[in-house]
Protein backbone atom coordinates (compact mmCIF):
# COMPACT_ATOMS: atom_id res chain seq x y z
CA UNK A 1 -0.07 0.00 0.08
CA UNK A 2 1.33 3.45 -0.80
CA UNK A 3 -0.51 4.89 2.07
CA UNK A 4 -1.76 3.35 5.29
CA UNK A 5 -4.40 4.90 7.68
CA UNK A 6 -5.49 3.94 11.25
CA UNK A 7 -8.09 1.51 10.02
CA UNK A 8 -5.62 -0.44 7.74
CA UNK A 9 -3.18 -0.65 10.64
CA UNK A 10 -5.71 -1.73 12.99
CA UNK A 11 -7.30 -4.34 10.60
CA UNK A 12 -3.95 -6.14 10.29
CA UNK A 13 -3.09 -5.89 13.90
CA UNK A 14 -6.39 -7.23 14.95
CA UNK A 15 -6.33 -9.92 12.07
CA UNK A 16 -3.01 -11.28 13.60
CA UNK A 17 -4.47 -11.22 17.07
CA UNK A 18 -7.36 -13.01 16.02
CA UNK A 19 -5.27 -15.84 14.31
CA UNK A 20 -3.33 -16.05 17.59
CA UNK A 21 -0.40 -14.52 16.09
CA UNK A 22 0.09 -12.29 19.29
CA UNK A 23 3.93 -11.51 19.17
CA UNK A 24 3.40 -10.31 15.42
CA UNK A 25 0.47 -8.41 16.51
CA UNK A 26 2.48 -6.57 19.10
CA UNK A 27 5.59 -6.10 16.76
CA UNK A 28 3.28 -4.24 14.22
CA UNK A 29 1.56 -2.30 16.82
CA UNK A 30 5.18 -0.95 18.06
CA UNK A 31 5.89 -0.45 14.27
CA UNK A 32 2.73 1.70 13.88
CA UNK A 33 3.55 3.92 17.02
CA UNK A 34 6.94 4.81 15.35
CA UNK A 35 5.06 6.37 12.17
CA UNK A 36 2.75 9.30 11.94
CA UNK A 37 -0.44 7.25 12.12
CA UNK A 38 -1.86 7.33 15.86
CA UNK A 39 -3.73 4.21 17.06
CA UNK A 40 -7.27 4.49 18.03
CA UNK A 41 -9.22 2.68 20.99
CA UNK A 42 -9.81 -0.27 18.74
CA UNK A 43 -6.03 -0.56 17.96
CA UNK A 44 -5.23 -0.29 21.76
CA UNK A 45 -7.95 -3.03 22.29
CA UNK A 46 -6.17 -5.44 19.98
CA UNK A 47 -2.70 -4.63 21.38
CA UNK A 48 -3.86 -5.52 24.81
CA UNK A 49 -5.33 -8.73 23.56
CA UNK A 50 -1.98 -9.61 22.11
CA UNK A 51 -0.28 -9.02 25.57
CA UNK A 52 -2.92 -11.39 27.10
CA UNK A 53 -2.36 -14.11 24.57
CA UNK A 54 1.30 -13.80 24.99
CA UNK A 55 1.42 -13.21 28.68
CA UNK A 56 3.42 -9.98 28.20
CA UNK A 57 2.31 -8.04 31.27
CA UNK A 58 5.23 -5.73 30.94
CA UNK A 59 4.20 -4.56 27.60
CA UNK A 60 0.60 -4.35 28.95
CA UNK A 61 1.67 -2.00 31.50
CA UNK A 62 3.30 0.21 28.97
CA UNK A 63 0.24 0.23 26.84
CA UNK A 64 -1.83 1.02 29.99
CA UNK A 65 0.30 4.11 30.58
CA UNK A 66 -0.20 5.00 26.86
CA UNK A 67 -4.02 5.03 27.53
CA UNK A 68 -3.64 7.12 30.44
CA UNK A 69 -1.61 9.58 28.24
CA UNK A 70 -4.13 9.74 25.43
CA UNK A 71 -6.89 10.01 28.04
CA UNK A 72 -9.01 6.73 27.02
CA UNK A 73 -8.23 4.48 29.95
CA UNK A 74 -11.58 4.99 31.45
CA UNK A 75 -13.56 3.93 28.53
CA UNK A 76 -15.64 0.97 29.73
CA UNK A 77 -14.41 -1.58 27.06
CA UNK A 78 -10.99 -0.50 27.55
CA UNK A 79 -11.04 -1.00 31.35
CA UNK A 80 -12.64 -4.36 30.83
CA UNK A 81 -9.81 -5.50 28.38
CA UNK A 82 -7.16 -4.13 31.00
CA UNK A 83 -8.80 -6.37 33.61
CA UNK A 84 -8.81 -9.44 31.27
CA UNK A 85 -5.07 -8.62 30.29
CA UNK A 86 -3.81 -8.28 33.89
CA UNK A 87 -5.88 -11.36 34.93
CA UNK A 88 -4.48 -13.53 32.01
CA UNK A 89 -1.07 -12.55 32.92
CA UNK A 90 -1.53 -13.60 36.48
CA UNK A 91 -1.47 -9.94 37.85
CA UNK A 92 -4.82 -10.36 39.86
CA UNK A 93 -4.05 -7.21 41.92
CA UNK A 94 -3.66 -4.98 38.99
CA UNK A 95 -6.81 -6.23 37.66
CA UNK A 96 -8.67 -5.46 40.80
CA UNK A 97 -7.16 -1.96 41.12
CA UNK A 98 -8.51 -1.19 37.56
CA UNK A 99 -11.89 -2.58 38.73
CA UNK A 100 -12.01 -0.36 41.89
CA UNK A 101 -10.81 2.59 39.98
CA UNK A 102 -13.47 2.21 37.30
CA UNK A 103 -16.12 5.16 37.33
CA UNK A 104 -19.11 2.74 36.18
CA UNK A 105 -19.06 -1.14 35.62
CA UNK A 106 -21.44 -3.38 33.64
CA UNK A 107 -22.13 -7.14 33.34
CA UNK A 108 -19.02 -7.66 30.98
CA UNK A 109 -16.51 -5.96 33.35
CA UNK A 110 -17.88 -7.78 36.31
CA UNK A 111 -17.66 -11.06 34.53
CA UNK A 112 -14.15 -10.53 33.45
CA UNK A 113 -13.26 -9.91 37.22
CA UNK A 114 -15.10 -12.80 38.31
CA UNK A 115 -13.26 -15.05 35.74
CA UNK A 116 -9.92 -13.45 36.67
CA UNK A 117 -10.27 -14.05 40.37
CA UNK A 118 -11.46 -17.69 39.75
CA UNK A 119 -8.46 -18.29 37.18
CA UNK A 120 -5.79 -16.84 39.56
CA UNK A 121 -6.47 -19.00 42.52
CA UNK A 122 -8.74 -16.56 44.52
CA UNK A 123 -11.54 -18.94 44.78
CA UNK A 124 -13.21 -17.44 48.04
CA UNK A 125 -13.00 -13.87 46.64
CA UNK A 126 -14.45 -15.25 43.38
CA UNK A 127 -17.50 -16.56 45.28
CA UNK A 128 -17.99 -13.53 47.49
CA UNK A 129 -17.72 -11.21 44.27
CA UNK A 130 -20.39 -13.57 42.62
CA UNK A 131 -22.70 -13.03 45.60
CA UNK A 132 -21.93 -9.30 45.48
CA UNK A 133 -23.10 -9.43 41.98
CA UNK A 134 -26.35 -11.00 42.81
CA UNK A 135 -27.07 -8.56 45.60
CA UNK A 136 -26.28 -5.60 43.26
CA UNK A 137 -28.97 -6.92 40.77
CA UNK A 138 -26.41 -7.48 38.20
CA UNK A 139 -27.85 -9.30 35.24
CA UNK A 140 -26.32 -12.90 35.53
CA UNK A 141 -25.85 -14.84 32.14
CA UNK A 142 -24.59 -18.21 31.45
CA UNK A 143 -21.12 -17.13 30.91
CA UNK A 144 -20.93 -15.82 34.66
CA UNK A 145 -22.43 -19.18 35.91
CA UNK A 146 -19.77 -20.98 33.92
CA UNK A 147 -17.01 -19.02 35.43
CA UNK A 148 -18.19 -19.68 38.94
CA UNK A 149 -18.75 -23.33 38.39
CA UNK A 150 -15.11 -23.55 37.42
CA UNK A 151 -13.94 -22.24 40.83
CA UNK A 152 -12.36 -25.08 42.94
CA UNK A 153 -13.57 -23.69 46.24
CA UNK A 154 -17.13 -24.73 45.15
CA UNK A 155 -15.67 -28.32 45.07
CA UNK A 156 -15.46 -28.29 48.88
CA UNK A 157 -19.21 -27.55 49.46
CA UNK A 158 -21.94 -29.67 48.28
CA UNK A 159 -24.42 -27.16 49.73
CA UNK A 160 -23.09 -24.54 47.44
CA UNK A 161 -23.23 -26.92 44.59
CA UNK A 162 -26.62 -27.40 45.14
CA UNK A 163 -27.63 -23.86 45.41
CA UNK A 164 -25.83 -22.89 42.13
CA UNK A 165 -27.68 -25.64 40.44
CA UNK A 166 -30.95 -24.04 41.80
CA UNK A 167 -29.79 -20.77 40.31
CA UNK A 168 -29.15 -22.52 36.91
CA UNK A 169 -32.63 -23.89 36.80
CA UNK A 170 -34.41 -20.65 38.08
CA UNK A 171 -32.42 -18.63 35.45
CA UNK A 172 -33.10 -21.37 32.76
CA UNK A 173 -29.38 -22.02 32.00
CA UNK A 174 -29.84 -25.77 32.05
CA UNK A 175 -30.01 -25.88 28.24
CA UNK A 176 -26.51 -24.31 28.02
CA UNK A 177 -24.02 -27.03 27.34
CA UNK A 178 -21.10 -24.93 28.95
CA UNK A 179 -23.21 -24.68 32.09
CA UNK A 180 -24.14 -28.37 32.25
CA UNK A 181 -20.41 -29.33 31.67
CA UNK A 182 -19.63 -27.08 34.63
CA UNK A 183 -22.21 -28.79 36.65
CA UNK A 184 -20.92 -32.36 35.80
CA UNK A 185 -17.45 -31.50 37.05
CA UNK A 186 -18.65 -29.62 40.17
CA UNK A 187 -20.95 -32.40 41.29
CA UNK A 188 -18.10 -35.14 40.65
CA UNK A 189 -15.56 -33.11 42.61
CA UNK A 190 -17.99 -32.78 45.52
CA UNK A 191 -18.24 -36.53 45.63
CA UNK A 192 -21.82 -36.70 44.18
CA UNK A 193 -21.31 -39.10 41.03
CA UNK A 194 -25.21 -39.57 40.81
CA UNK A 195 -26.06 -35.93 40.27
CA UNK A 196 -23.16 -35.80 37.72
CA UNK A 197 -24.69 -38.50 35.69
CA UNK A 198 -28.05 -37.17 36.01
CA UNK A 199 -27.04 -33.76 34.62
CA UNK A 200 -25.10 -35.69 31.81
CA UNK A 201 -28.02 -37.91 30.74
CA UNK A 202 -30.58 -35.07 30.90
CA UNK A 203 -28.32 -32.98 28.59
CA UNK A 204 -30.27 -32.23 25.03
CA UNK A 205 -26.94 -31.48 23.42
CA UNK A 206 -23.34 -32.76 24.28
CA UNK A 207 -20.06 -31.58 22.97
CA UNK A 208 -16.67 -33.60 23.60
CA UNK A 209 -16.30 -31.58 26.93
CA UNK A 210 -19.45 -33.15 28.19
CA UNK A 211 -18.17 -36.66 27.29
CA UNK A 212 -14.67 -36.00 28.62
CA UNK A 213 -16.16 -34.41 31.91
CA UNK A 214 -18.23 -37.68 32.50
CA UNK A 215 -15.67 -40.09 31.66
CA UNK A 216 -13.48 -38.15 34.11
CA UNK A 217 -16.01 -38.33 36.85
CA UNK A 218 -16.14 -42.14 36.50
CA UNK A 219 -12.48 -42.43 36.77
CA UNK A 220 -12.06 -40.04 39.74
CA UNK A 221 -14.69 -42.10 41.52
CA UNK A 222 -12.91 -45.48 40.83
CA UNK A 223 -15.60 -46.62 38.26
CA UNK A 224 -13.13 -47.86 35.58
CA UNK A 225 -15.44 -50.18 33.84
CA UNK A 226 -18.26 -47.37 33.81
CA UNK A 227 -15.71 -44.98 32.09
CA UNK A 228 -14.85 -47.49 29.42
CA UNK A 229 -18.45 -48.36 28.56
CA UNK A 230 -19.10 -44.54 28.34
CA UNK A 231 -16.23 -44.27 26.03
CA UNK A 232 -17.68 -46.81 23.82
CA UNK A 233 -20.89 -44.93 23.67
CA UNK A 234 -19.07 -41.70 22.93
CA UNK A 235 -17.50 -43.44 19.91
CA UNK A 236 -20.77 -44.75 18.64
CA UNK A 237 -22.10 -41.25 18.75
CA UNK A 238 -19.23 -40.07 16.27
CA UNK A 239 -17.67 -37.88 18.90
CA UNK A 240 -13.96 -37.67 18.46
CA UNK A 241 -11.75 -38.52 21.69
CA UNK A 242 -9.04 -35.94 22.63
CA UNK A 243 -5.75 -36.50 24.60
CA UNK A 244 -7.97 -35.59 27.63
CA UNK A 245 -10.30 -38.29 27.01
CA UNK A 246 -7.42 -40.96 27.04
CA UNK A 247 -5.93 -39.56 30.14
CA UNK A 248 -9.04 -40.15 32.01
CA UNK A 249 -9.45 -43.62 30.42
CA UNK A 250 -5.77 -44.32 31.53
CA UNK A 251 -6.54 -43.28 35.08
CA UNK A 252 -9.60 -45.49 34.93
CA UNK A 253 -7.66 -48.43 33.77
CA UNK A 254 -5.00 -47.95 36.49
CA UNK A 255 -7.51 -48.11 39.24
CA UNK A 256 -9.10 -51.45 38.33
CA UNK A 257 -5.63 -52.69 37.09
CA UNK A 258 -6.73 -53.30 33.48
CA UNK A 259 -3.08 -53.36 32.17
CA UNK A 260 -3.60 -54.83 28.79
CA UNK A 261 -6.85 -52.41 28.13
CA UNK A 262 -4.61 -49.49 29.15
CA UNK A 263 -1.73 -50.40 26.69
CA UNK A 264 -4.27 -50.95 23.95
CA UNK A 265 -5.88 -47.40 24.47
CA UNK A 266 -2.26 -46.01 24.24
CA UNK A 267 -1.76 -47.53 21.05
CA UNK A 268 -5.22 -46.57 19.94
CA UNK A 269 -4.56 -43.06 20.77
CA UNK A 270 -1.72 -42.86 18.45
CA UNK A 271 -2.49 -45.17 15.60
CA UNK A 272 -6.36 -44.63 15.19
CA UNK A 273 -6.58 -40.88 16.17
CA UNK A 274 -3.04 -39.61 15.66
CA UNK A 275 -2.96 -37.88 18.97
CA UNK A 276 0.75 -38.00 20.49
CA UNK A 277 0.78 -38.97 24.11
CA UNK A 278 2.08 -36.48 26.79
CA UNK A 279 4.18 -37.45 29.73
CA UNK A 280 0.98 -37.50 31.88
CA UNK A 281 -0.22 -40.41 29.73
CA UNK A 282 2.92 -42.37 30.24
CA UNK A 283 2.65 -41.70 34.09
CA UNK A 284 -0.64 -43.33 34.07
CA UNK A 285 0.86 -46.50 32.38
CA UNK A 286 3.73 -46.49 34.92
CA UNK A 287 1.14 -45.99 37.72
CA UNK A 288 -0.90 -48.75 36.44
CA UNK A 289 2.15 -51.36 36.28
CA UNK A 290 3.32 -50.10 39.70
CA UNK A 291 -0.19 -50.73 41.35
CA UNK A 292 -0.21 -54.12 39.95
CA UNK A 293 3.40 -54.74 41.59
CA UNK A 294 5.23 -55.00 38.21
CA UNK A 295 8.07 -52.52 39.14
CA UNK A 296 10.61 -53.84 36.72
CA UNK A 297 8.33 -53.73 33.90
CA UNK A 298 7.35 -50.21 34.73
CA UNK A 299 10.90 -49.14 35.12
CA UNK A 300 11.71 -50.74 31.36
CA UNK A 301 8.68 -48.98 30.24
CA UNK A 302 10.11 -45.77 31.25
CA UNK A 303 13.42 -46.44 29.71
CA UNK A 304 11.68 -46.92 26.35
CA UNK A 305 9.68 -43.80 26.41
CA UNK A 306 10.22 -41.67 23.23
CA UNK A 307 10.51 -38.35 25.37
CA UNK A 308 12.49 -37.53 28.56
CA UNK A 309 10.45 -38.63 31.59
CA UNK A 310 9.29 -35.83 34.02
CA UNK A 311 8.60 -35.58 37.62
CA UNK A 312 5.01 -37.01 37.14
CA UNK A 313 6.50 -40.35 35.66
CA UNK A 314 9.15 -40.89 38.34
CA UNK A 315 6.69 -39.94 41.11
CA UNK A 316 4.49 -42.63 39.70
CA UNK A 317 7.17 -45.24 39.96
CA UNK A 318 8.61 -44.07 43.29
CA UNK A 319 5.02 -44.14 44.86
CA UNK A 320 4.59 -47.82 43.61
CA UNK A 321 7.95 -48.63 45.18
CA UNK A 322 6.70 -47.12 48.39
CA UNK A 323 3.74 -49.35 48.56
CA UNK A 324 5.70 -52.47 48.01
CA UNK A 325 8.57 -51.53 49.76
CA UNK A 326 11.21 -52.01 46.96
CA UNK A 327 14.42 -50.15 47.88
CA UNK A 328 16.40 -50.84 44.76
CA UNK A 329 14.07 -49.40 42.22
CA UNK A 330 12.89 -46.76 44.75
CA UNK A 331 16.37 -45.29 45.18
CA UNK A 332 16.72 -45.15 41.43
CA UNK A 333 13.25 -43.33 40.98
CA UNK A 334 14.11 -41.03 43.89
CA UNK A 335 17.44 -40.05 42.24
CA UNK A 336 15.71 -39.20 39.08
CA UNK A 337 12.87 -37.33 40.94
CA UNK A 338 15.59 -35.37 42.85
CA UNK A 339 16.85 -34.02 39.61
CA UNK A 340 13.46 -33.25 38.02
CA UNK A 341 11.92 -31.85 40.98
CA UNK A 342 14.68 -30.59 43.47
CA UNK A 343 12.10 -28.61 45.56
CA UNK A 344 9.61 -31.50 46.02
CA UNK A 345 9.30 -33.19 49.29
CA UNK A 346 7.80 -36.30 47.65
CA UNK A 347 11.09 -38.35 46.93
CA UNK A 348 12.17 -37.60 50.65
CA UNK A 349 8.94 -38.65 52.04
CA UNK A 350 8.54 -41.75 49.96
CA UNK A 351 11.97 -43.13 50.46
CA UNK A 352 11.65 -42.51 54.11
CA UNK A 353 8.54 -44.60 54.06
CA UNK A 354 10.28 -47.28 51.92
CA UNK A 355 13.26 -47.47 54.54
CA UNK A 356 10.52 -47.65 57.43
CA UNK A 357 8.60 -50.64 55.94
CA UNK A 358 12.14 -52.40 55.75
CA UNK A 359 12.98 -51.35 59.19
CA UNK A 360 16.04 -49.62 57.89
CA UNK A 361 15.82 -46.66 60.42
CA UNK A 362 19.32 -45.23 59.85
CA UNK A 363 18.66 -44.88 56.18
CA UNK A 364 15.22 -43.25 56.97
CA UNK A 365 17.05 -40.74 59.34
CA UNK A 366 19.48 -39.83 56.72
CA UNK A 367 16.94 -39.19 54.22
CA UNK A 368 14.77 -37.04 56.69
CA UNK A 369 17.99 -35.06 57.75
CA UNK A 370 18.89 -34.52 54.00
CA UNK A 371 15.34 -33.14 53.36
CA UNK A 372 15.93 -30.57 56.09
CA UNK A 373 19.40 -29.90 55.12
CA UNK A 374 18.12 -29.03 51.56
CA UNK A 375 15.49 -26.70 52.91
CA UNK A 376 12.70 -28.86 51.53
CA UNK A 377 9.54 -28.54 53.47
CA UNK A 378 6.35 -30.79 53.39
CA UNK A 379 3.15 -29.05 52.19
CA UNK A 380 0.70 -29.24 54.90
CA UNK A 381 -2.24 -31.38 54.46
CA UNK A 382 -5.85 -29.93 54.78
CA UNK A 383 -9.06 -31.94 55.86
CA UNK A 384 -12.47 -30.32 55.84
CA UNK A 385 -16.19 -31.26 56.59
CA UNK A 386 -19.19 -29.59 55.49
CA UNK A 387 -21.85 -29.18 58.32
CA UNK A 388 -25.06 -27.03 57.70
CA UNK A 389 -23.67 -25.33 54.71
CA UNK A 390 -20.45 -24.23 56.62
CA UNK A 391 -17.03 -25.65 55.63
CA UNK A 392 -14.72 -26.50 58.73
CA UNK A 393 -11.05 -26.94 57.63
CA UNK A 394 -8.39 -28.64 59.87
CA UNK A 395 -4.59 -29.31 59.79
CA UNK A 396 -2.44 -31.51 61.99
CA UNK A 397 -2.36 -30.25 65.52
CA UNK A 398 -4.80 -27.72 64.66
CA UNK A 399 -6.01 -25.82 67.78
CA UNK A 400 -7.44 -22.68 65.96
CA UNK A 401 -10.94 -24.13 65.45
CA UNK A 402 -13.62 -22.31 67.91
CA UNK A 403 -14.61 -25.98 69.03
CA UNK A 404 -11.12 -27.44 68.90
CA UNK A 405 -11.35 -28.34 72.61
CA UNK A 406 -14.64 -30.29 72.30
CA UNK A 407 -13.41 -31.88 69.01
CA UNK A 408 -10.20 -33.22 70.78
CA UNK A 409 -12.16 -34.66 73.56
CA UNK A 410 -14.13 -36.39 71.22
CA UNK A 411 -11.35 -37.76 69.22
CA UNK A 412 -9.74 -38.89 72.48
CA UNK A 413 -12.75 -40.88 73.19
CA UNK A 414 -13.00 -42.46 69.80
CA UNK A 415 -9.25 -43.36 69.95
CA UNK A 416 -9.68 -45.36 73.12
CA UNK A 417 -12.58 -47.33 71.30
CA UNK A 418 -10.17 -47.70 68.34
CA UNK A 419 -7.48 -49.33 70.56
CA UNK A 420 -10.00 -51.68 72.09
CA UNK A 421 -11.06 -52.68 68.63
CA UNK A 422 -7.53 -53.81 67.88
CA UNK A 423 -6.31 -50.72 66.05
CA UNK A 424 -2.49 -50.19 66.08
CA UNK A 425 -1.10 -46.82 65.14
CA UNK A 426 1.67 -47.05 62.59
CA UNK A 427 4.15 -44.48 63.40
CA UNK A 428 6.57 -45.54 60.61
CA UNK A 429 5.08 -43.87 57.76
CA UNK A 430 5.22 -40.15 56.78
CA UNK A 431 2.40 -38.86 54.55
CA UNK A 432 3.14 -37.11 51.21
């Protein structure tokens, strides 16, 4: 072109970004700014979208500064895109600052903020934000509900799940495939497989995510044969499986020790559907062989992998060695895990358990000392229980709960009964 105006520059930048060529879009935006043609608000929106797609928060902040300079930072759609950019780049505090300083908000900006909180690990804040939206009378659409259903905090509370499901029914979102997919996952993670299956069977239209979610639900609950049966039904419906489908199926086979079927699925994944396995798929095969006690075979399988094994693979093998007390292969797996995940406490704890099961107390002590000397700490495990729609959380030696004294009194009484029934506490093993 002999001459280019803001529309032609913006059209090409937008086209690049829409085709996920984010880096090229940013480069062209920088080139445009060196010339005489000034970007407009649409150009800036596309540039921010490029930052989101390429995780370039520094460039995003620079564009934010330019928006202040030209005086269009407070446009509603610009603020929404800024929140989206900061959220997707993992800078949720910046996204929240933009939201708090906004002169006005709408359904779009609030939905963006809700999704940002959910995607950045601020699950409780996301739920409170959703409640705030309801209280403020914000029009809740299917996208908002889908974002809330994806919050892992919801998975801790069956009561909250049921309330969200009631909202879905009242707002007539049950026919929305994405919402139904969220309900399937939500109920499954809350431990309610029956309601997951009920939602799935009632769906008038299903996509591959629907099938994957239900197969994963069966696998998560140890119903391996049901997962395989649903997979066969999925194939008859001409729904093409994805790598996620096979990952769930391999998990299912691992739980019910269907080794031959698992190997068959791995081959089918490659030969029939042309899907290259990830290390997570290979880790499932290792776990499958390990659960069956075929540790040498699992080690040989790892040696034959077409890619370098990662921490998932070595942890699967080491976990099996811990269960069967195999020190020889266990040491080898632990050494490899040390190299691939030096900050993980798993190799130290699992090896300590192996030595404990063999009565090798000096080796166990050396392993614990090595773990402490390296500054590796074990992540604290958390247990929770829901009573009357309130979730109570506990950690080891927790005395912060308002009813801690009463709880410990009851546990002491139960412990006496357990001892009378023949329970013997095994102090040898540490928990990963």
